[in-house]
Amino acid sequence: MPSDVVRVIYRKYDGSAHRDYPARRLAEDDLGVWLGVTEGTASVYHGRPSVEQIPFVLLVPHRAWWTGMFNPPPRTSEVYCDITTPARWEGDDTVHLIDLDLDVVRRRSTGLVELRDEDEFAEHRVRFGYPDEVVAQAQAAAARLLTALGDGTEPFASAYRKWLALVV
């Protein structure tokens, strides 16, 4: 039986801490593992203690180069996808992800879909020595997400709403 609590660990490509928090396992389906984070959850952000102010649902896909964070109001991003290496599970209670800087975001008020942090990606590509295959996979994932967040592809249209309702 899978663990009810999953530790989510994001690092940068050089191994430095990025984000680290516990999440409740909500479900697993053909899209991936759905995790819920409630308001008040203790977390670590860029190596510093933090507390989540707004709940969210995280989708960790089975074999994709991204994760999806689905947010309620008042957060301005309805959907926030981090471009990452594919998830590496340690048992059933810890998931490791390498954040590759690029983000694809859909804004709540306008529905605008945007690619963010291209400058950070370019800088870290050189500083951390991203292999060409990692660069290609990250850019391809970002391109697919730019389309999917805008055209109603699931899970970005409505599939996440039932899970988000459980943590709000």
N, C-alpha and C. Protein backbone atom coordinates (compact mmCIF):
# COMPACT_ATOMS: atom_id res chain seq x y z
N MET A 1 0.84 -1.19 0.00
CA MET A 1 0.00 0.00 0.00
C MET A 1 0.89 1.25 0.00
N PRO A 2 0.67 2.17 -0.94
CA PRO A 2 1.50 3.38 -1.01
C PRO A 2 1.35 4.24 0.24
N SER A 3 2.39 4.98 0.53
CA SER A 3 2.39 5.89 1.67
C SER A 3 1.39 7.02 1.45
N ASP A 4 0.75 7.45 2.54
CA ASP A 4 -0.19 8.58 2.45
C ASP A 4 0.53 9.91 2.30
N VAL A 5 1.76 9.99 2.83
CA VAL A 5 2.53 11.23 2.77
C VAL A 5 3.75 11.00 1.89
N VAL A 6 3.96 11.93 0.98
CA VAL A 6 5.09 11.87 0.05
C VAL A 6 5.96 13.10 0.26
N ARG A 7 7.24 12.90 0.40
CA ARG A 7 8.17 14.03 0.48
C ARG A 7 8.56 14.39 -0.95
N VAL A 8 8.37 15.65 -1.30
CA VAL A 8 8.67 16.16 -2.63
C VAL A 8 9.97 16.97 -2.53
N ILE A 9 10.99 16.53 -3.26
CA ILE A 9 12.29 17.19 -3.19
C ILE A 9 12.69 17.65 -4.59
N TYR A 10 12.76 18.97 -4.75
CA TYR A 10 13.28 19.56 -5.98
C TYR A 10 14.69 20.06 -5.68
N ARG A 11 15.60 19.77 -6.59
CA ARG A 11 16.96 20.32 -6.51
C ARG A 11 17.26 20.98 -7.85
N LYS A 12 18.28 21.80 -7.86
CA LYS A 12 18.79 22.35 -9.11
C LYS A 12 19.76 21.33 -9.69
N TYR A 13 20.18 21.54 -10.93
CA TYR A 13 21.02 20.57 -11.62
C TYR A 13 22.35 20.34 -10.92
N ASP A 14 22.84 21.34 -10.20
CA ASP A 14 24.11 21.20 -9.48
C ASP A 14 23.94 20.52 -8.12
N GLY A 15 22.70 20.12 -7.79
CA GLY A 15 22.43 19.44 -6.53
C GLY A 15 22.00 20.35 -5.40
N SER A 16 22.02 21.66 -5.62
CA SER A 16 21.62 22.59 -4.56
C SER A 16 20.12 22.50 -4.31
N ALA A 17 19.74 22.79 -3.06
CA ALA A 17 18.34 22.72 -2.64
C ALA A 17 17.50 23.75 -3.38
N HIS A 18 16.29 23.35 -3.75
CA HIS A 18 15.35 24.28 -4.39
C HIS A 18 14.06 24.31 -3.59
N ARG A 19 13.32 23.20 -3.56
CA ARG A 19 12.09 23.11 -2.76
C ARG A 19 12.03 21.74 -2.13
N ASP A 20 11.36 21.68 -0.96
CA ASP A 20 11.25 20.42 -0.22
C ASP A 20 10.02 20.55 0.67
N TYR A 21 9.05 19.66 0.50
CA TYR A 21 7.84 19.74 1.31
C TYR A 21 7.12 18.39 1.33
N PRO A 22 6.33 18.17 2.38
CA PRO A 22 5.50 16.97 2.42
C PRO A 22 4.17 17.25 1.70
N ALA A 23 3.64 16.22 1.07
CA ALA A 23 2.36 16.33 0.38
C ALA A 23 1.55 15.06 0.65
N ARG A 24 0.25 15.20 0.59
CA ARG A 24 -0.63 14.05 0.80
C ARG A 24 -0.93 13.41 -0.56
N ARG A 25 -0.75 12.10 -0.64
CA ARG A 25 -1.07 11.37 -1.87
C ARG A 25 -2.59 11.34 -2.02
N LEU A 26 -3.08 11.90 -3.10
CA LEU A 26 -4.52 11.95 -3.35
C LEU A 26 -4.97 10.80 -4.25
N ALA A 27 -4.17 10.52 -5.28
CA ALA A 27 -4.56 9.47 -6.23
C ALA A 27 -3.40 9.22 -7.19
N GLU A 28 -3.53 8.13 -7.92
CA GLU A 28 -2.63 7.85 -9.02
C GLU A 28 -3.48 7.36 -10.17
N ASP A 29 -3.23 7.91 -11.36
CA ASP A 29 -3.99 7.50 -12.53
C ASP A 29 -3.05 7.46 -13.73
N ASP A 30 -3.62 7.40 -14.93
CA ASP A 30 -2.78 7.32 -16.12
C ASP A 30 -1.96 8.59 -16.35
N LEU A 31 -2.34 9.70 -15.74
CA LEU A 31 -1.61 10.95 -15.89
C LEU A 31 -0.40 11.03 -14.97
N GLY A 32 -0.48 10.38 -13.81
CA GLY A 32 0.62 10.42 -12.85
C GLY A 32 0.11 10.32 -11.43
N VAL A 33 0.89 10.85 -10.50
CA VAL A 33 0.54 10.83 -9.08
C VAL A 33 0.10 12.24 -8.69
N TRP A 34 -1.09 12.33 -8.10
CA TRP A 34 -1.67 13.60 -7.66
C TRP A 34 -1.37 13.76 -6.17
N LEU A 35 -0.76 14.90 -5.82
CA LEU A 35 -0.39 15.18 -4.44
C LEU A 35 -1.03 16.49 -4.01
N GLY A 36 -1.49 16.54 -2.77
CA GLY A 36 -2.11 17.74 -2.24
C GLY A 36 -1.28 18.37 -1.14
N VAL A 37 -1.18 19.69 -1.17
CA VAL A 37 -0.46 20.45 -0.15
C VAL A 37 -1.44 21.48 0.42
N THR A 38 -1.64 21.43 1.72
CA THR A 38 -2.60 22.34 2.36
C THR A 38 -1.91 23.61 2.85
N GLU A 39 -2.70 24.63 3.04
CA GLU A 39 -2.22 25.88 3.63
C GLU A 39 -1.61 25.58 4.99
N GLY A 40 -0.50 26.21 5.29
CA GLY A 40 0.16 26.01 6.57
C GLY A 40 1.20 24.90 6.58
N THR A 41 1.38 24.22 5.45
CA THR A 41 2.38 23.15 5.36
C THR A 41 3.78 23.74 5.48
N ALA A 42 4.56 23.20 6.40
CA ALA A 42 5.96 23.62 6.53
C ALA A 42 6.74 23.12 5.32
N SER A 43 7.58 23.98 4.78
CA SER A 43 8.34 23.62 3.59
C SER A 43 9.70 24.31 3.63
N VAL A 44 10.51 24.00 2.63
CA VAL A 44 11.80 24.66 2.45
C VAL A 44 11.79 25.22 1.03
N TYR A 45 12.16 26.48 0.89
CA TYR A 45 12.22 27.13 -0.41
C TYR A 45 13.58 27.78 -0.55
N HIS A 46 14.36 27.38 -1.55
CA HIS A 46 15.73 27.86 -1.76
C HIS A 46 16.57 27.70 -0.50
N GLY A 47 16.39 26.57 0.18
CA GLY A 47 17.19 26.26 1.36
C GLY A 47 16.75 26.95 2.64
N ARG A 48 15.66 27.71 2.58
CA ARG A 48 15.19 28.43 3.77
C ARG A 48 13.82 27.92 4.20
N PRO A 49 13.59 27.82 5.52
CA PRO A 49 12.27 27.40 6.01
C PRO A 49 11.18 28.34 5.51
N SER A 50 10.04 27.75 5.20
CA SER A 50 8.91 28.51 4.68
C SER A 50 7.62 27.82 5.11
N VAL A 51 6.52 28.47 4.90
CA VAL A 51 5.20 27.89 5.17
C VAL A 51 4.32 28.20 3.97
N GLU A 52 3.66 27.19 3.45
CA GLU A 52 2.78 27.38 2.30
C GLU A 52 1.58 28.23 2.71
N GLN A 53 1.38 29.34 2.01
CA GLN A 53 0.29 30.27 2.32
C GLN A 53 -0.99 29.94 1.56
N ILE A 54 -0.84 29.26 0.43
CA ILE A 54 -1.99 28.92 -0.42
C ILE A 54 -1.89 27.44 -0.76
N PRO A 55 -2.98 26.68 -0.60
CA PRO A 55 -2.91 25.25 -0.93
C PRO A 55 -2.75 25.05 -2.43
N PHE A 56 -2.29 23.85 -2.80
CA PHE A 56 -2.18 23.53 -4.23
C PHE A 56 -2.16 22.02 -4.41
N VAL A 57 -2.34 21.62 -5.66
CA VAL A 57 -2.23 20.21 -6.04
C VAL A 57 -1.06 20.11 -7.01
N LEU A 58 -0.25 19.09 -6.81
CA LEU A 58 0.89 18.84 -7.69
C LEU A 58 0.65 17.54 -8.43
N LEU A 59 0.79 17.57 -9.75
CA LEU A 59 0.77 16.36 -10.56
C LEU A 59 2.20 16.01 -10.92
N VAL A 60 2.62 14.81 -10.52
CA VAL A 60 3.93 14.29 -10.88
C VAL A 60 3.68 13.23 -11.96
N PRO A 61 3.90 13.60 -13.24
CA PRO A 61 3.65 12.64 -14.32
C PRO A 61 4.56 11.42 -14.22
N HIS A 62 4.11 10.33 -14.82
CA HIS A 62 4.89 9.08 -14.77
C HIS A 62 6.24 9.19 -15.46
N ARG A 63 6.30 9.80 -16.64
CA ARG A 63 7.56 9.82 -17.38
C ARG A 63 7.75 11.11 -18.18
N ALA A 64 7.29 12.21 -17.66
CA ALA A 64 7.40 13.46 -18.41
C ALA A 64 8.49 14.36 -17.83
N TRP A 65 8.86 15.36 -18.60
CA TRP A 65 9.90 16.32 -18.21
C TRP A 65 9.26 17.58 -17.61
N TRP A 66 8.27 17.41 -16.75
CA TRP A 66 7.61 18.54 -16.10
C TRP A 66 6.80 18.05 -14.89
N THR A 67 6.44 18.99 -14.03
CA THR A 67 5.43 18.76 -13.00
C THR A 67 4.43 19.89 -13.13
N GLY A 68 3.20 19.63 -12.71
CA GLY A 68 2.16 20.65 -12.80
C GLY A 68 1.60 21.00 -11.43
N MET A 69 1.60 22.29 -11.12
CA MET A 69 1.02 22.80 -9.89
C MET A 69 -0.28 23.51 -10.25
N PHE A 70 -1.36 23.11 -9.59
CA PHE A 70 -2.69 23.66 -9.86
C PHE A 70 -3.13 24.44 -8.63
N ASN A 71 -3.45 25.71 -8.84
CA ASN A 71 -3.64 26.65 -7.74
C ASN A 71 -5.05 27.24 -7.69
N PRO A 72 -5.56 27.49 -6.48
CA PRO A 72 -6.83 28.20 -6.35
C PRO A 72 -6.57 29.72 -6.29
N PRO A 73 -7.62 30.52 -6.39
CA PRO A 73 -7.45 31.94 -6.09
C PRO A 73 -7.05 32.07 -4.62
N PRO A 74 -6.33 33.06 -4.22
CA PRO A 74 -6.01 34.27 -4.98
C PRO A 74 -4.71 34.18 -5.79
N ARG A 75 -4.10 33.02 -5.86
CA ARG A 75 -2.85 32.91 -6.63
C ARG A 75 -3.15 33.31 -8.08
N THR A 76 -2.29 34.12 -8.66
CA THR A 76 -2.53 34.63 -10.01
C THR A 76 -2.27 33.59 -11.09
N SER A 77 -1.45 32.57 -10.77
CA SER A 77 -1.22 31.49 -11.74
C SER A 77 -2.19 30.36 -11.43
N GLU A 78 -3.05 30.06 -12.39
CA GLU A 78 -3.99 28.94 -12.24
C GLU A 78 -3.24 27.62 -12.38
N VAL A 79 -2.34 27.56 -13.36
CA VAL A 79 -1.51 26.38 -13.59
C VAL A 79 -0.07 26.85 -13.73
N TYR A 80 0.83 26.16 -13.01
CA TYR A 80 2.26 26.51 -13.03
C TYR A 80 3.04 25.22 -13.24
N CYS A 81 3.65 25.08 -14.39
CA CYS A 81 4.41 23.87 -14.70
C CYS A 81 5.91 24.15 -14.65
N ASP A 82 6.59 23.40 -13.82
CA ASP A 82 8.05 23.45 -13.77
C ASP A 82 8.58 22.44 -14.78
N ILE A 83 9.54 22.85 -15.58
CA ILE A 83 10.23 21.91 -16.45
C ILE A 83 11.29 21.24 -15.56
N THR A 84 11.23 19.91 -15.50
CA THR A 84 12.09 19.13 -14.63
C THR A 84 12.57 17.88 -15.36
N THR A 85 13.55 17.22 -14.77
CA THR A 85 13.86 15.88 -15.23
C THR A 85 12.69 14.98 -14.85
N PRO A 86 12.54 13.82 -15.49
CA PRO A 86 11.48 12.89 -15.06
C PRO A 86 11.66 12.52 -13.57
N ALA A 87 10.54 12.32 -12.91
CA ALA A 87 10.55 12.01 -11.48
C ALA A 87 11.33 10.73 -11.20
N ARG A 88 12.08 10.76 -10.10
CA ARG A 88 12.76 9.57 -9.60
C ARG A 88 12.19 9.27 -8.22
N TRP A 89 11.51 8.14 -8.11
CA TRP A 89 10.88 7.76 -6.85
C TRP A 89 11.83 6.94 -6.01
N GLU A 90 11.87 7.25 -4.73
CA GLU A 90 12.63 6.49 -3.74
C GLU A 90 11.57 5.82 -2.87
N GLY A 91 11.36 4.53 -3.11
CA GLY A 91 10.23 3.87 -2.46
C GLY A 91 8.95 4.49 -2.98
N ASP A 92 7.93 4.52 -2.13
CA ASP A 92 6.68 5.15 -2.54
C ASP A 92 6.43 6.44 -1.76
N ASP A 93 7.44 6.87 -0.96
CA ASP A 93 7.18 8.02 -0.10
C ASP A 93 8.10 9.22 -0.33
N THR A 94 8.96 9.17 -1.35
CA THR A 94 9.83 10.31 -1.67
C THR A 94 9.98 10.40 -3.18
N VAL A 95 9.80 11.60 -3.71
CA VAL A 95 10.00 11.82 -5.14
C VAL A 95 11.06 12.91 -5.31
N HIS A 96 12.04 12.63 -6.17
CA HIS A 96 13.12 13.55 -6.46
C HIS A 96 12.95 14.11 -7.87
N LEU A 97 13.12 15.44 -7.99
CA LEU A 97 12.99 16.12 -9.27
C LEU A 97 14.12 17.13 -9.39
N ILE A 98 14.63 17.29 -10.60
CA ILE A 98 15.64 18.31 -10.87
C ILE A 98 14.96 19.43 -11.65
N ASP A 99 14.90 20.60 -11.04
CA ASP A 99 14.27 21.76 -11.66
C ASP A 99 15.21 22.33 -12.72
N LEU A 100 14.70 22.47 -13.93
CA LEU A 100 15.50 22.94 -15.06
C LEU A 100 15.17 24.38 -15.45
N ASP A 101 14.66 25.13 -14.49
CA ASP A 101 14.51 26.58 -14.60
C ASP A 101 13.30 27.03 -15.42
N LEU A 102 13.07 26.48 -16.59
CA LEU A 102 11.95 26.92 -17.42
C LEU A 102 10.63 26.61 -16.74
N ASP A 103 9.68 27.53 -16.88
CA ASP A 103 8.34 27.35 -16.34
C ASP A 103 7.33 27.75 -17.40
N VAL A 104 6.21 27.03 -17.43
CA VAL A 104 5.10 27.40 -18.32
C VAL A 104 3.91 27.66 -17.41
N VAL A 105 3.34 28.85 -17.55
CA VAL A 105 2.32 29.33 -16.61
C VAL A 105 1.08 29.78 -17.36
N ARG A 106 -0.09 29.44 -16.80
CA ARG A 106 -1.35 30.01 -17.31
C ARG A 106 -1.90 30.94 -16.25
N ARG A 107 -2.10 32.19 -16.63
CA ARG A 107 -2.63 33.22 -15.73
C ARG A 107 -4.13 33.05 -15.55
N ARG A 108 -4.57 33.22 -14.32
CA ARG A 108 -5.98 33.02 -13.97
C ARG A 108 -6.89 34.05 -14.64
N SER A 109 -6.55 35.32 -14.53
CA SER A 109 -7.47 36.37 -14.97
C SER A 109 -7.60 36.47 -16.48
N THR A 110 -6.53 36.18 -17.20
CA THR A 110 -6.55 36.38 -18.66
C THR A 110 -6.50 35.10 -19.47
N GLY A 111 -6.07 34.00 -18.84
CA GLY A 111 -5.87 32.76 -19.58
C GLY A 111 -4.58 32.77 -20.38
N LEU A 112 -3.79 33.84 -20.28
CA LEU A 112 -2.53 33.96 -20.99
C LEU A 112 -1.59 32.83 -20.57
N VAL A 113 -0.97 32.18 -21.55
CA VAL A 113 0.02 31.13 -21.29
C VAL A 113 1.38 31.70 -21.67
N GLU A 114 2.33 31.58 -20.73
CA GLU A 114 3.64 32.18 -20.98
C GLU A 114 4.77 31.26 -20.56
N LEU A 115 5.89 31.39 -21.27
CA LEU A 115 7.12 30.70 -20.93
C LEU A 115 7.95 31.66 -20.10
N ARG A 116 8.42 31.17 -18.94
CA ARG A 116 9.17 32.04 -18.03
C ARG A 116 10.57 31.49 -17.79
N ASP A 117 11.45 32.37 -17.38
CA ASP A 117 12.81 32.06 -16.92
C ASP A 117 13.74 31.50 -17.99
N GLU A 118 13.54 31.94 -19.23
CA GLU A 118 14.46 31.52 -20.29
C GLU A 118 15.87 32.02 -20.02
N ASP A 119 15.99 33.19 -19.40
CA ASP A 119 17.31 33.73 -19.08
C ASP A 119 18.02 32.88 -18.03
N GLU A 120 17.29 32.43 -17.01
CA GLU A 120 17.87 31.55 -15.99
C GLU A 120 18.28 30.22 -16.60
N PHE A 121 17.45 29.69 -17.50
CA PHE A 121 17.77 28.43 -18.18
C PHE A 121 19.07 28.58 -18.97
N ALA A 122 19.20 29.67 -19.72
CA ALA A 122 20.41 29.91 -20.52
C ALA A 122 21.64 30.04 -19.63
N GLU A 123 21.50 30.76 -18.53
CA GLU A 123 22.62 30.95 -17.59
C GLU A 123 23.04 29.62 -16.96
N HIS A 124 22.04 28.86 -16.46
CA HIS A 124 22.34 27.59 -15.80
C HIS A 124 22.81 26.53 -16.79
N ARG A 125 22.37 26.63 -18.03
CA ARG A 125 22.84 25.69 -19.06
C ARG A 125 24.36 25.74 -19.16
N VAL A 126 24.90 26.95 -19.09
CA VAL A 126 26.35 27.13 -19.16
C VAL A 126 26.99 26.80 -17.80
N ARG A 127 26.47 27.42 -16.73
CA ARG A 127 27.09 27.27 -15.41
C ARG A 127 27.08 25.82 -14.92
N PHE A 128 25.96 25.13 -15.12
CA PHE A 128 25.84 23.76 -14.62
C PHE A 128 26.18 22.71 -15.67
N GLY A 129 26.36 23.14 -16.91
CA GLY A 129 26.76 22.21 -17.97
C GLY A 129 25.66 21.24 -18.37
N TYR A 130 24.45 21.77 -18.61
CA TYR A 130 23.37 20.89 -19.06
C TYR A 130 23.80 20.15 -20.32
N PRO A 131 23.69 18.83 -20.33
CA PRO A 131 23.97 18.09 -21.57
C PRO A 131 22.96 18.47 -22.67
N ASP A 132 23.38 18.32 -23.91
CA ASP A 132 22.51 18.67 -25.05
C ASP A 132 21.17 17.93 -24.98
N GLU A 133 21.18 16.67 -24.56
CA GLU A 133 19.93 15.90 -24.46
C GLU A 133 18.98 16.51 -23.42
N VAL A 134 19.50 16.97 -22.32
CA VAL A 134 18.68 17.62 -21.28
C VAL A 134 18.09 18.92 -21.83
N VAL A 135 18.90 19.70 -22.52
CA VAL A 135 18.42 20.94 -23.14
C VAL A 135 17.30 20.66 -24.13
N ALA A 136 17.50 19.67 -24.98
CA ALA A 136 16.49 19.32 -25.99
C ALA A 136 15.19 18.86 -25.34
N GLN A 137 15.30 18.01 -24.32
CA GLN A 137 14.09 17.51 -23.64
C GLN A 137 13.36 18.65 -22.93
N ALA A 138 14.10 19.53 -22.26
CA ALA A 138 13.49 20.65 -21.55
C ALA A 138 12.76 21.59 -22.52
N GLN A 139 13.41 21.91 -23.62
CA GLN A 139 12.79 22.81 -24.60
C GLN A 139 11.57 22.17 -25.26
N ALA A 140 11.66 20.88 -25.54
CA ALA A 140 10.52 20.18 -26.14
C ALA A 140 9.34 20.12 -25.17
N ALA A 141 9.62 19.86 -23.89
CA ALA A 141 8.55 19.82 -22.89
C ALA A 141 7.89 21.19 -22.78
N ALA A 142 8.68 22.25 -22.77
CA ALA A 142 8.13 23.60 -22.67
C ALA A 142 7.24 23.91 -23.88
N ALA A 143 7.68 23.53 -25.06
CA ALA A 143 6.89 23.78 -26.28
C ALA A 143 5.56 23.03 -26.22
N ARG A 144 5.59 21.76 -25.78
CA ARG A 144 4.34 20.98 -25.68
C ARG A 144 3.39 21.62 -24.66
N LEU A 145 3.94 22.06 -23.53
CA LEU A 145 3.10 22.66 -22.49
C LEU A 145 2.52 24.00 -22.92
N LEU A 146 3.27 24.78 -23.67
CA LEU A 146 2.74 26.06 -24.16
C LEU A 146 1.46 25.83 -24.96
N THR A 147 1.43 24.77 -25.74
CA THR A 147 0.22 24.42 -26.50
C THR A 147 -0.84 23.82 -25.59
N ALA A 148 -0.48 22.86 -24.77
CA ALA A 148 -1.45 22.11 -23.96
C ALA A 148 -2.17 22.99 -22.95
N LEU A 149 -1.49 23.96 -22.35
CA LEU A 149 -2.14 24.82 -21.37
C LEU A 149 -3.13 25.77 -22.03
N GLY A 150 -2.98 25.98 -23.32
CA GLY A 150 -3.85 26.90 -24.03
C GLY A 150 -4.99 26.27 -24.78
N ASP A 151 -4.91 24.96 -25.07
CA ASP A 151 -5.92 24.38 -25.96
C ASP A 151 -6.92 23.43 -25.31
N GLY A 152 -6.90 23.33 -23.99
CA GLY A 152 -7.88 22.47 -23.33
C GLY A 152 -7.45 21.03 -23.16
N THR A 153 -6.18 20.74 -23.43
CA THR A 153 -5.66 19.40 -23.21
C THR A 153 -5.71 19.08 -21.72
N GLU A 154 -6.14 17.88 -21.37
CA GLU A 154 -6.10 17.46 -19.98
C GLU A 154 -4.68 17.05 -19.63
N PRO A 155 -4.29 17.25 -18.42
CA PRO A 155 -5.07 17.56 -17.23
C PRO A 155 -5.26 19.06 -16.98
N PHE A 156 -4.93 19.89 -17.98
CA PHE A 156 -4.90 21.33 -17.77
C PHE A 156 -6.24 22.03 -17.93
N ALA A 157 -7.25 21.34 -18.42
CA ALA A 157 -8.56 21.95 -18.61
C ALA A 157 -9.39 21.88 -17.33
N SER A 158 -9.68 20.66 -16.87
CA SER A 158 -10.54 20.54 -15.68
C SER A 158 -10.24 19.33 -14.81
N ALA A 159 -9.44 18.39 -15.28
CA ALA A 159 -9.19 17.15 -14.53
C ALA A 159 -8.64 17.42 -13.13
N TYR A 160 -7.90 18.49 -12.98
CA TYR A 160 -7.28 18.80 -11.68
C TYR A 160 -8.27 19.33 -10.65
N ARG A 161 -9.41 19.83 -11.08
CA ARG A 161 -10.32 20.53 -10.16
C ARG A 161 -10.85 19.66 -9.04
N LYS A 162 -11.12 18.38 -9.31
CA LYS A 162 -11.63 17.51 -8.24
C LYS A 162 -10.58 17.29 -7.17
N TRP A 163 -9.30 17.26 -7.58
CA TRP A 163 -8.22 17.08 -6.59
C TRP A 163 -7.97 18.37 -5.81
N LEU A 164 -8.04 19.50 -6.50
CA LEU A 164 -7.84 20.78 -5.84
C LEU A 164 -8.93 21.03 -4.79
N ALA A 165 -10.14 20.58 -5.08
CA ALA A 165 -11.23 20.76 -4.12
C ALA A 165 -10.95 20.04 -2.79
N LEU A 166 -10.14 19.00 -2.84
CA LEU A 166 -9.83 18.25 -1.60
C LEU A 166 -8.84 18.96 -0.68
N VAL A 167 -8.09 19.92 -1.20
CA VAL A 167 -7.09 20.61 -0.38
C VAL A 167 -7.43 22.05 -0.06
N VAL A 168 -8.44 22.58 -0.72
CA VAL A 168 -8.81 23.99 -0.49
C VAL A 168 -9.66 24.10 0.76
